[in-house]
Amino acid sequence: MAHDDCYGFVSDCRIRAVTELLSHTWDPVVLIALRPGPQRRSTLITAIGDISDKALTESLRRLTDRGLVTRTSESTARNVEYRLTPVGASLVQGPLATIGQWAMDHGDELLEPAAA
């Protein structure tokens, strides 16, 4: 697919896959929470705050299905950890880092009511 192909209305455009991923409220947050390294569910819930167990489960499942996160378990179910794959890490370190910086620079403006 050529770079310009994403500027038309193409249903299978790669940019559509990325924006679909970012449209899920918790997916980018979970990815960023995994940036420091492998995490258990309980650690993720504490680090993220205000995420329900159901929302975390759905997000981790989506991110695992997309190949952005891997799930590893030891001998017991209690020793399950989640970590970024190389593709997931590149998303966190590239586009999400840029979006995060933009949010830090312009977050106050976003939260202000629009001028009438």
PDB file of N, CA and C in Angstrom:
ATOM      1  N   MET A   1       0.847  -1.172   0.000  1.00  0.00           N
ATOM      2  CA  MET A   1       0.000   0.000   0.000  1.00  0.00           C
ATOM      3  C   MET A   1       0.893   1.236   0.000  1.00  0.00           C
ATOM      4  N   ALA A   2       0.671   2.116  -0.915  1.00  0.00           N
ATOM      5  CA  ALA A   2       1.438   3.352  -0.992  1.00  0.00           C
ATOM      6  C   ALA A   2       0.974   4.309   0.098  1.00  0.00           C
ATOM      7  N   HIS A   3       1.856   5.234   0.443  1.00  0.00           N
ATOM      8  CA  HIS A   3       1.564   6.204   1.496  1.00  0.00           C
ATOM      9  C   HIS A   3       0.276   6.973   1.200  1.00  0.00           C
ATOM     10  N   ASP A   4       0.088   7.373  -0.045  1.00  0.00           N
ATOM     11  CA  ASP A   4      -1.082   8.170  -0.408  1.00  0.00           C
ATOM     12  C   ASP A   4      -2.389   7.391  -0.362  1.00  0.00           C
ATOM     13  N   ASP A   5      -2.328   6.069  -0.329  1.00  0.00           N
ATOM     14  CA  ASP A   5      -3.545   5.263  -0.310  1.00  0.00           C
ATOM     15  C   ASP A   5      -4.421   5.542   0.904  1.00  0.00           C
ATOM     16  N   CYS A   6      -3.859   6.023   1.975  1.00  0.00           N
ATOM     17  CA  CYS A   6      -4.631   6.267   3.194  1.00  0.00           C
ATOM     18  C   CYS A   6      -5.402   7.579   3.145  1.00  0.00           C
ATOM     19  N   TYR A   7      -5.211   8.362   2.112  1.00  0.00           N
ATOM     20  CA  TYR A   7      -5.914   9.630   2.050  1.00  0.00           C
ATOM     21  C   TYR A   7      -7.279   9.502   1.383  1.00  0.00           C
ATOM     22  N   GLY A   8      -7.555   8.381   0.772  1.00  0.00           N
ATOM     23  CA  GLY A   8      -8.866   8.135   0.189  1.00  0.00           C
ATOM     24  C   GLY A   8      -9.743   7.402   1.185  1.00  0.00           C
ATOM     25  N   PHE A   9     -10.917   7.051   0.765  1.00  0.00           N
ATOM     26  CA  PHE A   9     -11.832   6.299   1.616  1.00  0.00           C
ATOM     27  C   PHE A   9     -11.605   4.811   1.381  1.00  0.00           C
ATOM     28  N   VAL A  10     -10.622   4.280   2.039  1.00  0.00           N
ATOM     29  CA  VAL A  10     -10.242   2.886   1.869  1.00  0.00           C
ATOM     30  C   VAL A  10     -10.588   2.150   3.158  1.00  0.00           C
ATOM     31  N   SER A  11     -11.458   1.166   3.053  1.00  0.00           N
ATOM     32  CA  SER A  11     -11.935   0.488   4.257  1.00  0.00           C
ATOM     33  C   SER A  11     -10.860  -0.329   4.954  1.00  0.00           C
ATOM     34  N   ASP A  12      -9.847  -0.779   4.226  1.00  0.00           N
ATOM     35  CA  ASP A  12      -8.812  -1.595   4.857  1.00  0.00           C
ATOM     36  C   ASP A  12      -7.499  -0.838   5.048  1.00  0.00           C
ATOM     37  N   CYS A  13      -7.582   0.467   5.079  1.00  0.00           N
ATOM     38  CA  CYS A  13      -6.397   1.300   5.255  1.00  0.00           C
ATOM     39  C   CYS A  13      -5.760   1.032   6.621  1.00  0.00           C
ATOM     40  N   ARG A  14      -4.462   1.010   6.665  1.00  0.00           N
ATOM     41  CA  ARG A  14      -3.743   0.734   7.918  1.00  0.00           C
ATOM     42  C   ARG A  14      -3.989   1.801   8.976  1.00  0.00           C
ATOM     43  N   ILE A  15      -4.146   3.036   8.548  1.00  0.00           N
ATOM     44  CA  ILE A  15      -4.403   4.101   9.520  1.00  0.00           C
ATOM     45  C   ILE A  15      -5.734   3.859  10.225  1.00  0.00           C
ATOM     46  N   ARG A  16      -6.684   3.250   9.531  1.00  0.00           N
ATOM     47  CA  ARG A  16      -7.977   2.922  10.146  1.00  0.00           C
ATOM     48  C   ARG A  16      -7.792   1.928  11.283  1.00  0.00           C
ATOM     49  N   ALA A  17      -6.914   0.963  11.103  1.00  0.00           N
ATOM     50  CA  ALA A  17      -6.654  -0.025  12.155  1.00  0.00           C
ATOM     51  C   ALA A  17      -6.068   0.642  13.394  1.00  0.00           C
ATOM     52  N   VAL A  18      -5.197   1.614  13.186  1.00  0.00           N
ATOM     53  CA  VAL A  18      -4.579   2.311  14.318  1.00  0.00           C
ATOM     54  C   VAL A  18      -5.593   3.202  15.021  1.00  0.00           C
ATOM     55  N   THR A  19      -6.382   3.943  14.257  1.00  0.00           N
ATOM     56  CA  THR A  19      -7.366   4.816  14.900  1.00  0.00           C
ATOM     57  C   THR A  19      -8.438   4.009  15.620  1.00  0.00           C
ATOM     58  N   GLU A  20      -8.761   2.828  15.095  1.00  0.00           N
ATOM     59  CA  GLU A  20      -9.711   1.954  15.789  1.00  0.00           C
ATOM     60  C   GLU A  20      -9.137   1.532  17.140  1.00  0.00           C
ATOM     61  N   LEU A  21      -7.858   1.227  17.161  1.00  0.00           N
ATOM     62  CA  LEU A  21      -7.197   0.860  18.411  1.00  0.00           C
ATOM     63  C   LEU A  21      -7.244   2.022  19.402  1.00  0.00           C
ATOM     64  N   LEU A  22      -6.945   3.215  18.937  1.00  0.00           N
ATOM     65  CA  LEU A  22      -6.915   4.380  19.818  1.00  0.00           C
ATOM     66  C   LEU A  22      -8.304   4.829  20.246  1.00  0.00           C
ATOM     67  N   SER A  23      -9.339   4.380  19.540  1.00  0.00           N
ATOM     68  CA  SER A  23     -10.697   4.780  19.901  1.00  0.00           C
ATOM     69  C   SER A  23     -11.200   4.075  21.157  1.00  0.00           C
ATOM     70  N   HIS A  24     -10.557   3.002  21.542  1.00  0.00           N
ATOM     71  CA  HIS A  24     -10.914   2.329  22.792  1.00  0.00           C
ATOM     72  C   HIS A  24     -10.255   3.088  23.943  1.00  0.00           C
ATOM     73  N   THR A  25     -11.054   3.618  24.827  1.00  0.00           N
ATOM     74  CA  THR A  25     -10.590   4.517  25.879  1.00  0.00           C
ATOM     75  C   THR A  25      -9.386   3.997  26.645  1.00  0.00           C
ATOM     76  N   TRP A  26      -9.407   2.741  27.040  1.00  0.00           N
ATOM     77  CA  TRP A  26      -8.370   2.237  27.929  1.00  0.00           C
ATOM     78  C   TRP A  26      -7.158   1.652  27.218  1.00  0.00           C
ATOM     79  N   ASP A  27      -7.253   1.330  25.937  1.00  0.00           N
ATOM     80  CA  ASP A  27      -6.134   0.668  25.257  1.00  0.00           C
ATOM     81  C   ASP A  27      -4.840   1.482  25.293  1.00  0.00           C
ATOM     82  N   PRO A  28      -4.854   2.770  24.922  1.00  0.00           N
ATOM     83  CA  PRO A  28      -3.608   3.530  25.004  1.00  0.00           C
ATOM     84  C   PRO A  28      -3.089   3.657  26.438  1.00  0.00           C
ATOM     85  N   VAL A  29      -4.004   3.765  27.390  1.00  0.00           N
ATOM     86  CA  VAL A  29      -3.614   3.890  28.800  1.00  0.00           C
ATOM     87  C   VAL A  29      -2.935   2.607  29.279  1.00  0.00           C
ATOM     88  N   VAL A  30      -3.491   1.465  28.913  1.00  0.00           N
ATOM     89  CA  VAL A  30      -2.899   0.176  29.294  1.00  0.00           C
ATOM     90  C   VAL A  30      -1.527   0.020  28.646  1.00  0.00           C
ATOM     91  N   LEU A  31      -1.415   0.388  27.384  1.00  0.00           N
ATOM     92  CA  LEU A  31      -0.113   0.305  26.713  1.00  0.00           C
ATOM     93  C   LEU A  31       0.935   1.143  27.437  1.00  0.00           C
ATOM     94  N   ILE A  32       0.575   2.357  27.794  1.00  0.00           N
ATOM     95  CA  ILE A  32       1.518   3.235  28.491  1.00  0.00           C
ATOM     96  C   ILE A  32       1.855   2.676  29.870  1.00  0.00           C
ATOM     97  N   ALA A  33       0.879   2.083  30.545  1.00  0.00           N
ATOM     98  CA  ALA A  33       1.138   1.488  31.863  1.00  0.00           C
ATOM     99  C   ALA A  33       2.105   0.314  31.774  1.00  0.00           C
ATOM    100  N   LEU A  34       2.174  -0.324  30.616  1.00  0.00           N
ATOM    101  CA  LEU A  34       3.093  -1.452  30.424  1.00  0.00           C
ATOM    102  C   LEU A  34       4.490  -1.004  29.988  1.00  0.00           C
ATOM    103  N   ARG A  35       4.666   0.266  29.753  1.00  0.00           N
ATOM    104  CA  ARG A  35       5.958   0.773  29.275  1.00  0.00           C
ATOM    105  C   ARG A  35       7.131   0.432  30.193  1.00  0.00           C
ATOM    106  N   PRO A  36       6.994   0.528  31.521  1.00  0.00           N
ATOM    107  CA  PRO A  36       8.143   0.231  32.388  1.00  0.00           C
ATOM    108  C   PRO A  36       8.606  -1.225  32.346  1.00  0.00           C
ATOM    109  N   GLY A  37       7.733  -2.122  31.927  1.00  0.00           N
ATOM    110  CA  GLY A  37       8.103  -3.535  31.881  1.00  0.00           C
ATOM    111  C   GLY A  37       6.924  -4.417  32.214  1.00  0.00           C
ATOM    112  N   PRO A  38       7.165  -5.724  32.338  1.00  0.00           N
ATOM    113  CA  PRO A  38       6.086  -6.674  32.614  1.00  0.00           C
ATOM    114  C   PRO A  38       5.309  -6.296  33.876  1.00  0.00           C
ATOM    115  N   GLN A  39       3.987  -6.462  33.798  1.00  0.00           N
ATOM    116  CA  GLN A  39       3.115  -6.101  34.914  1.00  0.00           C
ATOM    117  C   GLN A  39       2.065  -7.183  35.121  1.00  0.00           C
ATOM    118  N   ARG A  40       1.688  -7.357  36.370  1.00  0.00           N
ATOM    119  CA  ARG A  40       0.543  -8.210  36.699  1.00  0.00           C
ATOM    120  C   ARG A  40      -0.720  -7.364  36.668  1.00  0.00           C
ATOM    121  N   ARG A  41      -1.856  -8.042  36.577  1.00  0.00           N
ATOM    122  CA  ARG A  41      -3.139  -7.332  36.523  1.00  0.00           C
ATOM    123  C   ARG A  41      -3.325  -6.394  37.713  1.00  0.00           C
ATOM    124  N   SER A  42      -3.036  -6.882  38.905  1.00  0.00           N
ATOM    125  CA  SER A  42      -3.240  -6.056  40.101  1.00  0.00           C
ATOM    126  C   SER A  42      -2.380  -4.799  40.055  1.00  0.00           C
ATOM    127  N   THR A  43      -1.178  -4.918  39.539  1.00  0.00           N
ATOM    128  CA  THR A  43      -0.295  -3.760  39.413  1.00  0.00           C
ATOM    129  C   THR A  43      -0.847  -2.784  38.383  1.00  0.00           C
ATOM    130  N   LEU A  44      -1.380  -3.320  37.289  1.00  0.00           N
ATOM    131  CA  LEU A  44      -1.965  -2.457  36.260  1.00  0.00           C
ATOM    132  C   LEU A  44      -3.170  -1.698  36.800  1.00  0.00           C
ATOM    133  N   ILE A  45      -4.028  -2.382  37.534  1.00  0.00           N
ATOM    134  CA  ILE A  45      -5.213  -1.723  38.096  1.00  0.00           C
ATOM    135  C   ILE A  45      -4.800  -0.592  39.028  1.00  0.00           C
ATOM    136  N   THR A  46      -3.793  -0.837  39.859  1.00  0.00           N
ATOM    137  CA  THR A  46      -3.303   0.196  40.773  1.00  0.00           C
ATOM    138  C   THR A  46      -2.665   1.348  40.006  1.00  0.00           C
ATOM    139  N   ALA A  47      -1.832   1.027  39.024  1.00  0.00           N
ATOM    140  CA  ALA A  47      -1.123   2.061  38.264  1.00  0.00           C
ATOM    141  C   ALA A  47      -2.076   2.930  37.451  1.00  0.00           C
ATOM    142  N   ILE A  48      -3.088   2.310  36.868  1.00  0.00           N
ATOM    143  CA  ILE A  48      -4.013   3.045  36.007  1.00  0.00           C
ATOM    144  C   ILE A  48      -5.041   3.795  36.840  1.00  0.00           C
ATOM    145  N   GLY A  49      -5.609   3.136  37.838  1.00  0.00           N
ATOM    146  CA  GLY A  49      -6.647   3.753  38.648  1.00  0.00           C
ATOM    147  C   GLY A  49      -7.931   3.931  37.846  1.00  0.00           C
ATOM    148  N   ASP A  50      -9.053   3.804  38.481  1.00  0.00           N
ATOM    149  CA  ASP A  50     -10.369   4.048  37.887  1.00  0.00           C
ATOM    150  C   ASP A  50     -10.689   3.172  36.676  1.00  0.00           C
ATOM    151  N   ILE A  51     -10.017   2.040  36.531  1.00  0.00           N
ATOM    152  CA  ILE A  51     -10.353   1.099  35.467  1.00  0.00           C
ATOM    153  C   ILE A  51     -10.983  -0.126  36.124  1.00  0.00           C
ATOM    154  N   SER A  52     -12.094  -0.565  35.579  1.00  0.00           N
ATOM    155  CA  SER A  52     -12.743  -1.749  36.144  1.00  0.00           C
ATOM    156  C   SER A  52     -11.996  -3.002  35.699  1.00  0.00           C
ATOM    157  N   ASP A  53     -12.203  -4.073  36.427  1.00  0.00           N
ATOM    158  CA  ASP A  53     -11.578  -5.339  36.068  1.00  0.00           C
ATOM    159  C   ASP A  53     -12.042  -5.782  34.680  1.00  0.00           C
ATOM    160  N   LYS A  54     -13.321  -5.574  34.393  1.00  0.00           N
ATOM    161  CA  LYS A  54     -13.875  -5.947  33.086  1.00  0.00           C
ATOM    162  C   LYS A  54     -13.214  -5.145  31.965  1.00  0.00           C
ATOM    163  N   ALA A  55     -13.085  -3.842  32.157  1.00  0.00           N
ATOM    164  CA  ALA A  55     -12.464  -2.995  31.130  1.00  0.00           C
ATOM    165  C   ALA A  55     -11.009  -3.384  30.909  1.00  0.00           C
ATOM    166  N   LEU A  56     -10.290  -3.702  31.987  1.00  0.00           N
ATOM    167  CA  LEU A  56      -8.897  -4.126  31.846  1.00  0.00           C
ATOM    168  C   LEU A  56      -8.813  -5.448  31.095  1.00  0.00           C
ATOM    169  N   THR A  57      -9.692  -6.385  31.438  1.00  0.00           N
ATOM    170  CA  THR A  57      -9.712  -7.679  30.752  1.00  0.00           C
ATOM    171  C   THR A  57      -9.953  -7.498  29.259  1.00  0.00           C
ATOM    172  N   GLU A  58     -10.942  -6.684  28.902  1.00  0.00           N
ATOM    173  CA  GLU A  58     -11.256  -6.457  27.490  1.00  0.00           C
ATOM    174  C   GLU A  58     -10.098  -5.786  26.763  1.00  0.00           C
ATOM    175  N   SER A  59      -9.493  -4.813  27.412  1.00  0.00           N
ATOM    176  CA  SER A  59      -8.371  -4.105  26.801  1.00  0.00           C
ATOM    177  C   SER A  59      -7.180  -5.030  26.589  1.00  0.00           C
ATOM    178  N   LEU A  60      -6.821  -5.790  27.613  1.00  0.00           N
ATOM    179  CA  LEU A  60      -5.693  -6.717  27.481  1.00  0.00           C
ATOM    180  C   LEU A  60      -5.962  -7.759  26.397  1.00  0.00           C
ATOM    181  N   ARG A  61      -7.187  -8.216  26.304  1.00  0.00           N
ATOM    182  CA  ARG A  61      -7.537  -9.199  25.269  1.00  0.00           C
ATOM    183  C   ARG A  61      -7.380  -8.592  23.872  1.00  0.00           C
ATOM    184  N   ARG A  62      -7.889  -7.368  23.693  1.00  0.00           N
ATOM    185  CA  ARG A  62      -7.768  -6.690  22.393  1.00  0.00           C
ATOM    186  C   ARG A  62      -6.305  -6.470  22.024  1.00  0.00           C
ATOM    187  N   LEU A  63      -5.527  -5.981  22.989  1.00  0.00           N
ATOM    188  CA  LEU A  63      -4.118  -5.681  22.729  1.00  0.00           C
ATOM    189  C   LEU A  63      -3.312  -6.944  22.461  1.00  0.00           C
ATOM    190  N   THR A  64      -3.669  -8.028  23.130  1.00  0.00           N
ATOM    191  CA  THR A  64      -3.015  -9.317  22.881  1.00  0.00           C
ATOM    192  C   THR A  64      -3.390  -9.830  21.494  1.00  0.00           C
ATOM    193  N   ASP A  65      -4.667  -9.737  21.150  1.00  0.00           N
ATOM    194  CA  ASP A  65      -5.127 -10.183  19.828  1.00  0.00           C
ATOM    195  C   ASP A  65      -4.471  -9.394  18.697  1.00  0.00           C
ATOM    196  N   ARG A  66      -4.167  -8.133  18.939  1.00  0.00           N
ATOM    197  CA  ARG A  66      -3.528  -7.275  17.933  1.00  0.00           C
ATOM    198  C   ARG A  66      -2.008  -7.464  17.875  1.00  0.00           C
ATOM    199  N   GLY A  67      -1.464  -8.242  18.804  1.00  0.00           N
ATOM    200  CA  GLY A  67      -0.026  -8.477  18.798  1.00  0.00           C
ATOM    201  C   GLY A  67       0.789  -7.365  19.433  1.00  0.00           C
ATOM    202  N   LEU A  68       0.138  -6.535  20.253  1.00  0.00           N
ATOM    203  CA  LEU A  68       0.832  -5.433  20.912  1.00  0.00           C
ATOM    204  C   LEU A  68       1.281  -5.790  22.319  1.00  0.00           C
ATOM    205  N   VAL A  69       0.657  -6.799  22.895  1.00  0.00           N
ATOM    206  CA  VAL A  69       0.943  -7.247  24.264  1.00  0.00           C
ATOM    207  C   VAL A  69       1.019  -8.764  24.257  1.00  0.00           C
ATOM    208  N   THR A  70       1.917  -9.294  25.083  1.00  0.00           N
ATOM    209  CA  THR A  70       1.957 -10.745  25.272  1.00  0.00           C
ATOM    210  C   THR A  70       1.571 -11.065  26.706  1.00  0.00           C
ATOM    211  N   ARG A  71       0.969 -12.215  26.856  1.00  0.00           N
ATOM    212  CA  ARG A  71       0.558 -12.719  28.170  1.00  0.00           C
ATOM    213  C   ARG A  71       1.413 -13.936  28.460  1.00  0.00           C
ATOM    214  N   THR A  72       2.119 -13.908  29.577  1.00  0.00           N
ATOM    215  CA  THR A  72       2.924 -15.064  29.968  1.00  0.00           C
ATOM    216  C   THR A  72       2.493 -15.512  31.348  1.00  0.00           C
ATOM    217  N   SER A  73       2.430 -16.820  31.527  1.00  0.00           N
ATOM    218  CA  SER A  73       2.046 -17.343  32.832  1.00  0.00           C
ATOM    219  C   SER A  73       3.055 -18.391  33.266  1.00  0.00           C
ATOM    220  N   GLU A  74       3.297 -18.382  34.538  1.00  0.00           N
ATOM    221  CA  GLU A  74       4.165 -19.390  35.133  1.00  0.00           C
ATOM    222  C   GLU A  74       3.302 -20.612  35.439  1.00  0.00           C
ATOM    223  N   SER A  75       3.676 -21.372  36.414  1.00  0.00           N
ATOM    224  CA  SER A  75       2.975 -22.623  36.716  1.00  0.00           C
ATOM    225  C   SER A  75       1.561 -22.423  37.255  1.00  0.00           C
ATOM    226  N   THR A  76       1.288 -21.276  37.834  1.00  0.00           N
ATOM    227  CA  THR A  76      -0.051 -21.035  38.376  1.00  0.00           C
ATOM    228  C   THR A  76      -0.678 -19.824  37.699  1.00  0.00           C
ATOM    229  N   ALA A  77      -1.982 -19.759  37.753  1.00  0.00           N
ATOM    230  CA  ALA A  77      -2.698 -18.633  37.143  1.00  0.00           C
ATOM    231  C   ALA A  77      -2.368 -17.317  37.835  1.00  0.00           C
ATOM    232  N   ARG A  78      -1.890 -17.367  39.064  1.00  0.00           N
ATOM    233  CA  ARG A  78      -1.572 -16.145  39.804  1.00  0.00           C
ATOM    234  C   ARG A  78      -0.314 -15.454  39.284  1.00  0.00           C
ATOM    235  N   ASN A  79       0.494 -16.168  38.553  1.00  0.00           N
ATOM    236  CA  ASN A  79       1.744 -15.599  38.064  1.00  0.00           C
ATOM    237  C   ASN A  79       1.653 -15.164  36.603  1.00  0.00           C
ATOM    238  N   VAL A  80       0.549 -14.568  36.217  1.00  0.00           N
ATOM    239  CA  VAL A  80       0.368 -14.084  34.850  1.00  0.00           C
ATOM    240  C   VAL A  80       0.916 -12.663  34.763  1.00  0.00           C
ATOM    241  N   GLU A  81       1.723 -12.427  33.737  1.00  0.00           N
ATOM    242  CA  GLU A  81       2.253 -11.092  33.488  1.00  0.00           C
ATOM    243  C   GLU A  81       1.967 -10.697  32.046  1.00  0.00           C
ATOM    244  N   TYR A  82       1.844  -9.400  31.865  1.00  0.00           N
ATOM    245  CA  TYR A  82       1.631  -8.831  30.542  1.00  0.00           C
ATOM    246  C   TYR A  82       2.812  -7.929  30.228  1.00  0.00           C
ATOM    247  N   ARG A  83       3.243  -7.976  28.968  1.00  0.00           N
ATOM    248  CA  ARG A  83       4.352  -7.122  28.547  1.00  0.00           C
ATOM    249  C   ARG A  83       4.124  -6.665  27.117  1.00  0.00           C
ATOM    250  N   LEU A  84       4.755  -5.557  26.768  1.00  0.00           N
ATOM    251  CA  LEU A  84       4.674  -5.056  25.404  1.00  0.00           C
ATOM    252  C   LEU A  84       5.485  -5.939  24.473  1.00  0.00           C
ATOM    253  N   THR A  85       4.970  -6.160  23.287  1.00  0.00           N
ATOM    254  CA  THR A  85       5.755  -6.794  22.232  1.00  0.00           C
ATOM    255  C   THR A  85       6.621  -5.693  21.605  1.00  0.00           C
ATOM    256  N   PRO A  86       7.561  -6.038  20.752  1.00  0.00           N
ATOM    257  CA  PRO A  86       8.328  -4.990  20.067  1.00  0.00           C
ATOM    258  C   PRO A  86       7.440  -4.007  19.291  1.00  0.00           C
ATOM    259  N   VAL A  87       6.376  -4.509  18.678  1.00  0.00           N
ATOM    260  CA  VAL A  87       5.458  -3.620  17.957  1.00  0.00           C
ATOM    261  C   VAL A  87       4.722  -2.715  18.944  1.00  0.00           C
ATOM    262  N   GLY A  88       4.273  -3.274  20.067  1.00  0.00           N
ATOM    263  CA  GLY A  88       3.608  -2.473  21.090  1.00  0.00           C
ATOM    264  C   GLY A  88       4.530  -1.410  21.658  1.00  0.00           C
ATOM    265  N   ALA A  89       5.789  -1.780  21.908  1.00  0.00           N
ATOM    266  CA  ALA A  89       6.769  -0.821  22.427  1.00  0.00           C
ATOM    267  C   ALA A  89       7.008   0.304  21.424  1.00  0.00           C
ATOM    268  N   SER A  90       7.042  -0.026  20.135  1.00  0.00           N
ATOM    269  CA  SER A  90       7.256   1.022  19.130  1.00  0.00           C
ATOM    270  C   SER A  90       6.068   1.982  19.079  1.00  0.00           C
ATOM    271  N   LEU A  91       4.865   1.478  19.308  1.00  0.00           N
ATOM    272  CA  LEU A  91       3.686   2.344  19.355  1.00  0.00           C
ATOM    273  C   LEU A  91       3.747   3.266  20.569  1.00  0.00           C
ATOM    274  N   VAL A  92       4.144   2.723  21.713  1.00  0.00           N
ATOM    275  CA  VAL A  92       4.230   3.518  22.940  1.00  0.00           C
ATOM    276  C   VAL A  92       5.335   4.566  22.834  1.00  0.00           C
ATOM    277  N   GLN A  93       6.488   4.174  22.342  1.00  0.00           N
ATOM    278  CA  GLN A  93       7.639   5.079  22.287  1.00  0.00           C
ATOM    279  C   GLN A  93       7.543   6.101  21.154  1.00  0.00           C
ATOM    280  N   GLY A  94       6.747   5.802  20.142  1.00  0.00           N
ATOM    281  CA  GLY A  94       6.610   6.712  19.004  1.00  0.00           C
ATOM    282  C   GLY A  94       5.342   7.535  19.087  1.00  0.00           C
ATOM    283  N   PRO A  95       4.277   7.089  18.411  1.00  0.00           N
ATOM    284  CA  PRO A  95       3.050   7.889  18.337  1.00  0.00           C
ATOM    285  C   PRO A  95       2.422   8.228  19.689  1.00  0.00           C
ATOM    286  N   LEU A  96       2.358   7.274  20.608  1.00  0.00           N
ATOM    287  CA  LEU A  96       1.728   7.578  21.901  1.00  0.00           C
ATOM    288  C   LEU A  96       2.560   8.565  22.709  1.00  0.00           C
ATOM    289  N   ALA A  97       3.883   8.495  22.610  1.00  0.00           N
ATOM    290  CA  ALA A  97       4.734   9.472  23.298  1.00  0.00           C
ATOM    291  C   ALA A  97       4.491  10.869  22.725  1.00  0.00           C
ATOM    292  N   THR A  98       4.339  10.952  21.417  1.00  0.00           N
ATOM    293  CA  THR A  98       4.071  12.238  20.771  1.00  0.00           C
ATOM    294  C   THR A  98       2.704  12.773  21.185  1.00  0.00           C
ATOM    295  N   ILE A  99       1.700  11.917  21.184  1.00  0.00           N
ATOM    296  CA  ILE A  99       0.362  12.331  21.621  1.00  0.00           C
ATOM    297  C   ILE A  99       0.395  12.750  23.093  1.00  0.00           C
ATOM    298  N   GLY A 100       1.118  12.007  23.911  1.00  0.00           N
ATOM    299  CA  GLY A 100       1.239  12.354  25.326  1.00  0.00           C
ATOM    300  C   GLY A 100       1.873  13.719  25.532  1.00  0.00           C
ATOM    301  N   GLN A 101       2.921  14.009  24.774  1.00  0.00           N
ATOM    302  CA  GLN A 101       3.569  15.320  24.881  1.00  0.00           C
ATOM    303  C   GLN A 101       2.624  16.422  24.424  1.00  0.00           C
ATOM    304  N   TRP A 102       1.903  16.164  23.335  1.00  0.00           N
ATOM    305  CA  TRP A 102       0.932  17.137  22.853  1.00  0.00           C
ATOM    306  C   TRP A 102      -0.132  17.392  23.922  1.00  0.00           C
ATOM    307  N   ALA A 103      -0.595  16.334  24.573  1.00  0.00           N
ATOM    308  CA  ALA A 103      -1.604  16.474  25.631  1.00  0.00           C
ATOM    309  C   ALA A 103      -1.064  17.293  26.799  1.00  0.00           C
ATOM    310  N   MET A 104       0.211  17.085  27.145  1.00  0.00           N
ATOM    311  CA  MET A 104       0.811  17.874  28.227  1.00  0.00           C
ATOM    312  C   MET A 104       0.886  19.352  27.826  1.00  0.00           C
ATOM    313  N   ASP A 105       1.223  19.609  26.576  1.00  0.00           N
ATOM    314  CA  ASP A 105       1.359  20.985  26.097  1.00  0.00           C
ATOM    315  C   ASP A 105       0.014  21.689  25.934  1.00  0.00           C
ATOM    316  N   HIS A 106      -1.029  20.960  25.579  1.00  0.00           N
ATOM    317  CA  HIS A 106      -2.311  21.580  25.230  1.00  0.00           C
ATOM    318  C   HIS A 106      -3.493  21.080  26.061  1.00  0.00           C
ATOM    319  N   GLY A 107      -3.233  20.280  27.079  1.00  0.00           N
ATOM    320  CA  GLY A 107      -4.313  19.708  27.878  1.00  0.00           C
ATOM    321  C   GLY A 107      -5.219  20.738  28.514  1.00  0.00           C
ATOM    322  N   ASP A 108      -4.626  21.824  29.027  1.00  0.00           N
ATOM    323  CA  ASP A 108      -5.447  22.861  29.649  1.00  0.00           C
ATOM    324  C   ASP A 108      -6.404  23.486  28.637  1.00  0.00           C
ATOM    325  N   GLU A 109      -5.918  23.678  27.420  1.00  0.00           N
ATOM    326  CA  GLU A 109      -6.763  24.252  26.373  1.00  0.00           C
ATOM    327  C   GLU A 109      -7.919  23.315  26.024  1.00  0.00           C
ATOM    328  N   LEU A 110      -7.653  22.019  26.045  1.00  0.00           N
ATOM    329  CA  LEU A 110      -8.705  21.051  25.741  1.00  0.00           C
ATOM    330  C   LEU A 110      -9.784  21.036  26.810  1.00  0.00           C
ATOM    331  N   LEU A 111      -9.384  21.280  28.050  1.00  0.00           N
ATOM    332  CA  LEU A 111     -10.328  21.210  29.157  1.00  0.00           C
ATOM    333  C   LEU A 111     -11.103  22.504  29.367  1.00  0.00           C
ATOM    334  N   GLU A 112     -10.646  23.594  28.739  1.00  0.00           N
ATOM    335  CA  GLU A 112     -11.356  24.865  28.849  1.00  0.00           C
ATOM    336  C   GLU A 112     -12.589  24.830  27.958  1.00  0.00           C
ATOM    337  N   PRO A 113     -13.665  25.468  28.399  1.00  0.00           N
ATOM    338  CA  PRO A 113     -14.844  25.524  27.528  1.00  0.00           C
ATOM    339  C   PRO A 113     -14.516  26.325  26.266  1.00  0.00           C
ATOM    340  N   ALA A 114     -15.083  25.901  25.161  1.00  0.00           N
ATOM    341  CA  ALA A 114     -14.865  26.606  23.896  1.00  0.00           C
ATOM    342  C   ALA A 114     -15.509  27.981  23.960  1.00  0.00           C
ATOM    343  N   ALA A 115     -14.849  28.938  23.338  1.00  0.00           N
ATOM    344  CA  ALA A 115     -15.403  30.292  23.303  1.00  0.00           C
ATOM    345  C   ALA A 115     -16.682  30.278  22.465  1.00  0.00           C
ATOM    346  N   ALA A 116     -17.704  30.927  22.980  1.00  0.00           N
ATOM    347  CA  ALA A 116     -19.000  30.935  22.277  1.00  0.00           C
ATOM    348  C   ALA A 116     -19.006  31.904  21.139  1.00  0.00           C
TER     349      ALA A 116
END
